[in-house]
Amino acid sequence: MQQYWQRNVRILLTLLGVWFLVSFVCGILLVDQLNQVRIGGFKLGFWFAQQGAIYFFVLIIFVYVMLMNKLDREFDVHED
């Protein structure tokens, strides 16, 4: 059971790291560099700060559910 929780925490920390990169690094720290690129008339840095972080967060939720379902089946703790 300890292996299960170690992998669970590793998955969680990895996905939180991705969210941190998208929301803080791309949305705040690299905003000036990303604003050099335009998508649909909007600056990319602005997009990350306003919408991109939210879209990535929702995507991360779906990825987390998928990975946890796989992990639950592997350790036979899934719901039927």
PDB file of N, CA and C in Angstrom:
ATOM      1  N   MET A   1       0.824  -1.193   0.000  1.00  0.00           N
ATOM      2  CA  MET A   1       0.000   0.000   0.000  1.00  0.00           C
ATOM      3  C   MET A   1       0.870   1.260   0.000  1.00  0.00           C
ATOM      4  N   GLN A   2       2.070   1.150   0.555  1.00  0.00           N
ATOM      5  CA  GLN A   2       2.959   2.309   0.565  1.00  0.00           C
ATOM      6  C   GLN A   2       3.377   2.685  -0.855  1.00  0.00           C
ATOM      7  N   GLN A   3       3.573   1.681  -1.715  1.00  0.00           N
ATOM      8  CA  GLN A   3       3.905   1.961  -3.115  1.00  0.00           C
ATOM      9  C   GLN A   3       2.781   2.727  -3.807  1.00  0.00           C
ATOM     10  N   TYR A   4       1.561   2.353  -3.503  1.00  0.00           N
ATOM     11  CA  TYR A   4       0.399   3.031  -4.084  1.00  0.00           C
ATOM     12  C   TYR A   4       0.437   4.522  -3.748  1.00  0.00           C
ATOM     13  N   TRP A   5       0.646   4.843  -2.474  1.00  0.00           N
ATOM     14  CA  TRP A   5       0.639   6.239  -2.053  1.00  0.00           C
ATOM     15  C   TRP A   5       1.847   7.001  -2.577  1.00  0.00           C
ATOM     16  N   GLN A   6       2.982   6.331  -2.684  1.00  0.00           N
ATOM     17  CA  GLN A   6       4.149   6.995  -3.252  1.00  0.00           C
ATOM     18  C   GLN A   6       3.894   7.376  -4.705  1.00  0.00           C
ATOM     19  N   ARG A   7       3.318   6.461  -5.464  1.00  0.00           N
ATOM     20  CA  ARG A   7       3.021   6.771  -6.862  1.00  0.00           C
ATOM     21  C   ARG A   7       1.916   7.807  -6.984  1.00  0.00           C
ATOM     22  N   ASN A   8       0.936   7.749  -6.083  1.00  0.00           N
ATOM     23  CA  ASN A   8      -0.135   8.734  -6.066  1.00  0.00           C
ATOM     24  C   ASN A   8       0.438  10.136  -5.846  1.00  0.00           C
ATOM     25  N   VAL A   9       1.314  10.270  -4.861  1.00  0.00           N
ATOM     26  CA  VAL A   9       1.918  11.571  -4.566  1.00  0.00           C
ATOM     27  C   VAL A   9       2.817  12.019  -5.722  1.00  0.00           C
ATOM     28  N   ARG A  10       3.535  11.096  -6.354  1.00  0.00           N
ATOM     29  CA  ARG A  10       4.380  11.451  -7.506  1.00  0.00           C
ATOM     30  C   ARG A  10       3.537  11.992  -8.662  1.00  0.00           C
ATOM     31  N   ILE A  11       2.425  11.334  -8.934  1.00  0.00           N
ATOM     32  CA  ILE A  11       1.517  11.808  -9.988  1.00  0.00           C
ATOM     33  C   ILE A  11       1.002  13.199  -9.642  1.00  0.00           C
ATOM     34  N   LEU A  12       0.569  13.364  -8.409  1.00  0.00           N
ATOM     35  CA  LEU A  12       0.027  14.644  -7.961  1.00  0.00           C
ATOM     36  C   LEU A  12       1.060  15.765  -8.073  1.00  0.00           C
ATOM     37  N   LEU A  13       2.268  15.526  -7.610  1.00  0.00           N
ATOM     38  CA  LEU A  13       3.316  16.546  -7.665  1.00  0.00           C
ATOM     39  C   LEU A  13       3.726  16.874  -9.101  1.00  0.00           C
ATOM     40  N   THR A  14       3.755  15.872  -9.953  1.00  0.00           N
ATOM     41  CA  THR A  14       4.079  16.114 -11.365  1.00  0.00           C
ATOM     42  C   THR A  14       3.031  17.000 -12.018  1.00  0.00           C
ATOM     43  N   LEU A  15       1.763  16.683 -11.801  1.00  0.00           N
ATOM     44  CA  LEU A  15       0.696  17.473 -12.414  1.00  0.00           C
ATOM     45  C   LEU A  15       0.631  18.882 -11.822  1.00  0.00           C
ATOM     46  N   LEU A  16       0.885  19.009 -10.537  1.00  0.00           N
ATOM     47  CA  LEU A  16       0.933  20.348  -9.937  1.00  0.00           C
ATOM     48  C   LEU A  16       2.116  21.145 -10.485  1.00  0.00           C
ATOM     49  N   GLY A  17       3.218  20.464 -10.757  1.00  0.00           N
ATOM     50  CA  GLY A  17       4.368  21.128 -11.375  1.00  0.00           C
ATOM     51  C   GLY A  17       4.038  21.650 -12.761  1.00  0.00           C
ATOM     52  N   VAL A  18       3.312  20.853 -13.542  1.00  0.00           N
ATOM     53  CA  VAL A  18       2.889  21.301 -14.872  1.00  0.00           C
ATOM     54  C   VAL A  18       1.974  22.513 -14.748  1.00  0.00           C
ATOM     55  N   TRP A  19       1.042  22.452 -13.816  1.00  0.00           N
ATOM     56  CA  TRP A  19       0.127  23.579 -13.630  1.00  0.00           C
ATOM     57  C   TRP A  19       0.891  24.829 -13.194  1.00  0.00           C
ATOM     58  N   PHE A  20       1.881  24.674 -12.321  1.00  0.00           N
ATOM     59  CA  PHE A  20       2.705  25.803 -11.900  1.00  0.00           C
ATOM     60  C   PHE A  20       3.435  26.413 -13.097  1.00  0.00           C
ATOM     61  N   LEU A  21       4.003  25.568 -13.946  1.00  0.00           N
ATOM     62  CA  LEU A  21       4.708  26.078 -15.129  1.00  0.00           C
ATOM     63  C   LEU A  21       3.773  26.865 -16.032  1.00  0.00           C
ATOM     64  N   VAL A  22       2.598  26.315 -16.269  1.00  0.00           N
ATOM     65  CA  VAL A  22       1.657  26.977 -17.163  1.00  0.00           C
ATOM     66  C   VAL A  22       1.115  28.266 -16.552  1.00  0.00           C
ATOM     67  N   SER A  23       0.692  28.203 -15.292  1.00  0.00           N
ATOM     68  CA  SER A  23       0.031  29.371 -14.705  1.00  0.00           C
ATOM     69  C   SER A  23       1.012  30.442 -14.248  1.00  0.00           C
ATOM     70  N   PHE A  24       2.062  30.076 -13.544  1.00  0.00           N
ATOM     71  CA  PHE A  24       2.964  31.082 -12.978  1.00  0.00           C
ATOM     72  C   PHE A  24       4.080  31.457 -13.954  1.00  0.00           C
ATOM     73  N   VAL A  25       4.760  30.454 -14.473  1.00  0.00           N
ATOM     74  CA  VAL A  25       5.903  30.746 -15.345  1.00  0.00           C
ATOM     75  C   VAL A  25       5.430  31.352 -16.665  1.00  0.00           C
ATOM     76  N   CYS A  26       4.502  30.679 -17.345  1.00  0.00           N
ATOM     77  CA  CYS A  26       4.042  31.202 -18.647  1.00  0.00           C
ATOM     78  C   CYS A  26       3.130  32.410 -18.487  1.00  0.00           C
ATOM     79  N   GLY A  27       2.307  32.417 -17.448  1.00  0.00           N
ATOM     80  CA  GLY A  27       1.341  33.497 -17.273  1.00  0.00           C
ATOM     81  C   GLY A  27       1.891  34.745 -16.617  1.00  0.00           C
ATOM     82  N   ILE A  28       3.035  34.628 -15.911  1.00  0.00           N
ATOM     83  CA  ILE A  28       3.569  35.788 -15.193  1.00  0.00           C
ATOM     84  C   ILE A  28       5.025  36.059 -15.556  1.00  0.00           C
ATOM     85  N   LEU A  29       5.893  35.066 -15.364  1.00  0.00           N
ATOM     86  CA  LEU A  29       7.326  35.299 -15.535  1.00  0.00           C
ATOM     87  C   LEU A  29       7.739  35.478 -16.995  1.00  0.00           C
ATOM     88  N   LEU A  30       7.174  34.688 -17.892  1.00  0.00           N
ATOM     89  CA  LEU A  30       7.553  34.742 -19.305  1.00  0.00           C
ATOM     90  C   LEU A  30       6.557  35.503 -20.166  1.00  0.00           C
ATOM     91  N   VAL A  31       5.710  36.296 -19.532  1.00  0.00           N
ATOM     92  CA  VAL A  31       4.643  36.962 -20.276  1.00  0.00           C
ATOM     93  C   VAL A  31       5.188  37.897 -21.362  1.00  0.00           C
ATOM     94  N   ASP A  32       6.260  38.603 -21.089  1.00  0.00           N
ATOM     95  CA  ASP A  32       6.795  39.527 -22.099  1.00  0.00           C
ATOM     96  C   ASP A  32       7.335  38.784 -23.315  1.00  0.00           C
ATOM     97  N   GLN A  33       8.026  37.672 -23.084  1.00  0.00           N
ATOM     98  CA  GLN A  33       8.539  36.885 -24.207  1.00  0.00           C
ATOM     99  C   GLN A  33       7.397  36.234 -24.987  1.00  0.00           C
ATOM    100  N   LEU A  34       6.405  35.730 -24.281  1.00  0.00           N
ATOM    101  CA  LEU A  34       5.283  35.073 -24.954  1.00  0.00           C
ATOM    102  C   LEU A  34       4.389  36.073 -25.683  1.00  0.00           C
ATOM    103  N   ASN A  35       4.389  37.324 -25.250  1.00  0.00           N
ATOM    104  CA  ASN A  35       3.574  38.332 -25.923  1.00  0.00           C
ATOM    105  C   ASN A  35       4.087  38.672 -27.315  1.00  0.00           C
ATOM    106  N   GLN A  36       5.264  38.197 -27.666  1.00  0.00           N
ATOM    107  CA  GLN A  36       5.783  38.403 -29.019  1.00  0.00           C
ATOM    108  C   GLN A  36       5.033  37.547 -30.040  1.00  0.00           C
ATOM    109  N   VAL A  37       4.372  36.501 -29.554  1.00  0.00           N
ATOM    110  CA  VAL A  37       3.611  35.590 -30.409  1.00  0.00           C
ATOM    111  C   VAL A  37       2.135  35.931 -30.272  1.00  0.00           C
ATOM    112  N   ARG A  38       1.443  35.974 -31.402  1.00  0.00           N
ATOM    113  CA  ARG A  38       0.004  36.258 -31.387  1.00  0.00           C
ATOM    114  C   ARG A  38      -0.768  35.055 -31.919  1.00  0.00           C
ATOM    115  N   ILE A  39      -1.865  34.756 -31.241  1.00  0.00           N
ATOM    116  CA  ILE A  39      -2.774  33.687 -31.671  1.00  0.00           C
ATOM    117  C   ILE A  39      -4.167  34.283 -31.732  1.00  0.00           C
ATOM    118  N   GLY A  40      -4.750  34.265 -32.900  1.00  0.00           N
ATOM    119  CA  GLY A  40      -6.093  34.813 -33.066  1.00  0.00           C
ATOM    120  C   GLY A  40      -6.179  36.287 -32.729  1.00  0.00           C
ATOM    121  N   GLY A  41      -5.090  37.025 -32.898  1.00  0.00           N
ATOM    122  CA  GLY A  41      -5.085  38.445 -32.609  1.00  0.00           C
ATOM    123  C   GLY A  41      -4.736  38.794 -31.169  1.00  0.00           C
ATOM    124  N   PHE A  42      -4.618  37.790 -30.324  1.00  0.00           N
ATOM    125  CA  PHE A  42      -4.288  38.031 -28.917  1.00  0.00           C
ATOM    126  C   PHE A  42      -2.853  37.622 -28.644  1.00  0.00           C
ATOM    127  N   LYS A  43      -2.213  38.342 -27.751  1.00  0.00           N
ATOM    128  CA  LYS A  43      -0.850  38.003 -27.360  1.00  0.00           C
ATOM    129  C   LYS A  43      -0.867  36.701 -26.565  1.00  0.00           C
ATOM    130  N   LEU A  44       0.115  35.842 -26.822  1.00  0.00           N
ATOM    131  CA  LEU A  44       0.148  34.528 -26.184  1.00  0.00           C
ATOM    132  C   LEU A  44       0.302  34.635 -24.666  1.00  0.00           C
ATOM    133  N   GLY A  45       1.106  35.570 -24.176  1.00  0.00           N
ATOM    134  CA  GLY A  45       1.250  35.759 -22.737  1.00  0.00           C
ATOM    135  C   GLY A  45      -0.061  36.140 -22.077  1.00  0.00           C
ATOM    136  N   PHE A  46      -0.813  37.020 -22.723  1.00  0.00           N
ATOM    137  CA  PHE A  46      -2.133  37.408 -22.224  1.00  0.00           C
ATOM    138  C   PHE A  46      -3.066  36.200 -22.191  1.00  0.00           C
ATOM    139  N   TRP A  47      -3.009  35.386 -23.260  1.00  0.00           N
ATOM    140  CA  TRP A  47      -3.866  34.208 -23.327  1.00  0.00           C
ATOM    141  C   TRP A  47      -3.560  33.256 -22.173  1.00  0.00           C
ATOM    142  N   PHE A  48      -2.269  32.988 -21.914  1.00  0.00           N
ATOM    143  CA  PHE A  48      -1.904  32.101 -20.808  1.00  0.00           C
ATOM    144  C   PHE A  48      -2.392  32.658 -19.481  1.00  0.00           C
ATOM    145  N   ALA A  49      -2.248  33.952 -19.274  1.00  0.00           N
ATOM    146  CA  ALA A  49      -2.634  34.554 -18.005  1.00  0.00           C
ATOM    147  C   ALA A  49      -4.151  34.549 -17.818  1.00  0.00           C
ATOM    148  N   GLN A  50      -4.906  34.736 -18.880  1.00  0.00           N
ATOM    149  CA  GLN A  50      -6.351  34.881 -18.756  1.00  0.00           C
ATOM    150  C   GLN A  50      -7.126  33.588 -18.946  1.00  0.00           C
ATOM    151  N   GLN A  51      -6.718  32.758 -19.901  1.00  0.00           N
ATOM    152  CA  GLN A  51      -7.502  31.571 -20.214  1.00  0.00           C
ATOM    153  C   GLN A  51      -6.698  30.287 -20.205  1.00  0.00           C
ATOM    154  N   GLY A  52      -5.464  30.351 -20.647  1.00  0.00           N
ATOM    155  CA  GLY A  52      -4.655  29.147 -20.804  1.00  0.00           C
ATOM    156  C   GLY A  52      -4.481  28.365 -19.520  1.00  0.00           C
ATOM    157  N   ALA A  53      -4.243  29.051 -18.418  1.00  0.00           N
ATOM    158  CA  ALA A  53      -4.049  28.359 -17.146  1.00  0.00           C
ATOM    159  C   ALA A  53      -5.318  27.616 -16.730  1.00  0.00           C
ATOM    160  N   ILE A  54      -6.473  28.196 -17.001  1.00  0.00           N
ATOM    161  CA  ILE A  54      -7.738  27.546 -16.652  1.00  0.00           C
ATOM    162  C   ILE A  54      -7.955  26.311 -17.518  1.00  0.00           C
ATOM    163  N   TYR A  55      -7.700  26.428 -18.823  1.00  0.00           N
ATOM    164  CA  TYR A  55      -7.845  25.272 -19.722  1.00  0.00           C
ATOM    165  C   TYR A  55      -6.896  24.156 -19.312  1.00  0.00           C
ATOM    166  N   PHE A  56      -5.657  24.506 -18.993  1.00  0.00           N
ATOM    167  CA  PHE A  56      -4.698  23.488 -18.575  1.00  0.00           C
ATOM    168  C   PHE A  56      -5.111  22.850 -17.255  1.00  0.00           C
ATOM    169  N   PHE A  57      -5.670  23.618 -16.341  1.00  0.00           N
ATOM    170  CA  PHE A  57      -6.116  23.064 -15.075  1.00  0.00           C
ATOM    171  C   PHE A  57      -7.219  22.029 -15.300  1.00  0.00           C
ATOM    172  N   VAL A  58      -8.175  22.332 -16.153  1.00  0.00           N
ATOM    173  CA  VAL A  58      -9.254  21.380 -16.455  1.00  0.00           C
ATOM    174  C   VAL A  58      -8.673  20.139 -17.126  1.00  0.00           C
ATOM    175  N   LEU A  59      -7.729  20.322 -18.047  1.00  0.00           N
ATOM    176  CA  LEU A  59      -7.075  19.187 -18.700  1.00  0.00           C
ATOM    177  C   LEU A  59      -6.325  18.337 -17.680  1.00  0.00           C
ATOM    178  N   ILE A  60      -5.661  18.973 -16.737  1.00  0.00           N
ATOM    179  CA  ILE A  60      -4.917  18.252 -15.708  1.00  0.00           C
ATOM    180  C   ILE A  60      -5.866  17.426 -14.836  1.00  0.00           C
ATOM    181  N   ILE A  61      -7.066  17.930 -14.581  1.00  0.00           N
ATOM    182  CA  ILE A  61      -8.047  17.166 -13.806  1.00  0.00           C
ATOM    183  C   ILE A  61      -8.394  15.869 -14.534  1.00  0.00           C
ATOM    184  N   PHE A  62      -8.633  15.952 -15.835  1.00  0.00           N
ATOM    185  CA  PHE A  62      -8.956  14.752 -16.606  1.00  0.00           C
ATOM    186  C   PHE A  62      -7.775  13.783 -16.656  1.00  0.00           C
ATOM    187  N   VAL A  63      -6.573  14.296 -16.811  1.00  0.00           N
ATOM    188  CA  VAL A  63      -5.377  13.445 -16.820  1.00  0.00           C
ATOM    189  C   VAL A  63      -5.215  12.772 -15.462  1.00  0.00           C
ATOM    190  N   TYR A  64      -5.434  13.512 -14.379  1.00  0.00           N
ATOM    191  CA  TYR A  64      -5.320  12.941 -13.030  1.00  0.00           C
ATOM    192  C   TYR A  64      -6.328  11.803 -12.832  1.00  0.00           C
ATOM    193  N   VAL A  65      -7.561  12.008 -13.251  1.00  0.00           N
ATOM    194  CA  VAL A  65      -8.583  10.964 -13.119  1.00  0.00           C
ATOM    195  C   VAL A  65      -8.164   9.723 -13.901  1.00  0.00           C
ATOM    196  N   MET A  66      -7.684   9.913 -15.119  1.00  0.00           N
ATOM    197  CA  MET A  66      -7.267   8.786 -15.952  1.00  0.00           C
ATOM    198  C   MET A  66      -6.103   8.029 -15.300  1.00  0.00           C
ATOM    199  N   LEU A  67      -5.092   8.770 -14.830  1.00  0.00           N
ATOM    200  CA  LEU A  67      -3.934   8.123 -14.210  1.00  0.00           C
ATOM    201  C   LEU A  67      -4.295   7.431 -12.909  1.00  0.00           C
ATOM    202  N   MET A  68      -5.171   8.034 -12.121  1.00  0.00           N
ATOM    203  CA  MET A  68      -5.559   7.417 -10.853  1.00  0.00           C
ATOM    204  C   MET A  68      -6.427   6.178 -11.070  1.00  0.00           C
ATOM    205  N   ASN A  69      -7.287   6.192 -12.072  1.00  0.00           N
ATOM    206  CA  ASN A  69      -8.063   4.995 -12.384  1.00  0.00           C
ATOM    207  C   ASN A  69      -7.143   3.852 -12.791  1.00  0.00           C
ATOM    208  N   LYS A  70      -6.130   4.168 -13.577  1.00  0.00           N
ATOM    209  CA  LYS A  70      -5.156   3.160 -13.985  1.00  0.00           C
ATOM    210  C   LYS A  70      -4.392   2.629 -12.766  1.00  0.00           C
ATOM    211  N   LEU A  71      -3.964   3.529 -11.893  1.00  0.00           N
ATOM    212  CA  LEU A  71      -3.237   3.130 -10.689  1.00  0.00           C
ATOM    213  C   LEU A  71      -4.126   2.303  -9.762  1.00  0.00           C
ATOM    214  N   ASP A  72      -5.375   2.689  -9.609  1.00  0.00           N
ATOM    215  CA  ASP A  72      -6.310   1.939  -8.767  1.00  0.00           C
ATOM    216  C   ASP A  72      -6.507   0.513  -9.289  1.00  0.00           C
ATOM    217  N   ARG A  73      -6.635   0.370 -10.603  1.00  0.00           N
ATOM    218  CA  ARG A  73      -6.776  -0.965 -11.175  1.00  0.00           C
ATOM    219  C   ARG A  73      -5.503  -1.793 -10.975  1.00  0.00           C
ATOM    220  N   GLU A  74      -4.363  -1.142 -11.113  1.00  0.00           N
ATOM    221  CA  GLU A  74      -3.087  -1.848 -10.947  1.00  0.00           C
ATOM    222  C   GLU A  74      -2.932  -2.405  -9.541  1.00  0.00           C
ATOM    223  N   PHE A  75      -3.364  -1.650  -8.533  1.00  0.00           N
ATOM    224  CA  PHE A  75      -3.237  -2.080  -7.146  1.00  0.00           C
ATOM    225  C   PHE A  75      -4.531  -2.726  -6.613  1.00  0.00           C
ATOM    226  N   ASP A  76      -5.485  -2.934  -7.504  1.00  0.00           N
ATOM    227  CA  ASP A  76      -6.754  -3.603  -7.171  1.00  0.00           C
ATOM    228  C   ASP A  76      -7.497  -2.904  -6.019  1.00  0.00           C
ATOM    229  N   VAL A  77      -7.585  -1.585  -6.122  1.00  0.00           N
ATOM    230  CA  VAL A  77      -8.367  -0.815  -5.161  1.00  0.00           C
ATOM    231  C   VAL A  77      -9.436   0.008  -5.876  1.00  0.00           C
ATOM    232  N   HIS A  78      -9.755  -0.395  -7.099  1.00  0.00           N
ATOM    233  CA  HIS A  78     -10.731   0.342  -7.900  1.00  0.00           C
ATOM    234  C   HIS A  78     -12.157   0.017  -7.469  1.00  0.00           C
ATOM    235  N   GLU A  79     -13.065   0.911  -7.853  1.00  0.00           N
ATOM    236  CA  GLU A  79     -14.477   0.697  -7.580  1.00  0.00           C
ATOM    237  C   GLU A  79     -15.086  -0.053  -8.737  1.00  0.00           C
ATOM    238  N   ASP A  80     -16.011  -0.931  -8.434  1.00  0.00           N
ATOM    239  CA  ASP A  80     -16.682  -1.696  -9.507  1.00  0.00           C
ATOM    240  C   ASP A  80     -17.914  -1.004  -9.976  1.00  0.00           C
TER     241      ASP A  80
END
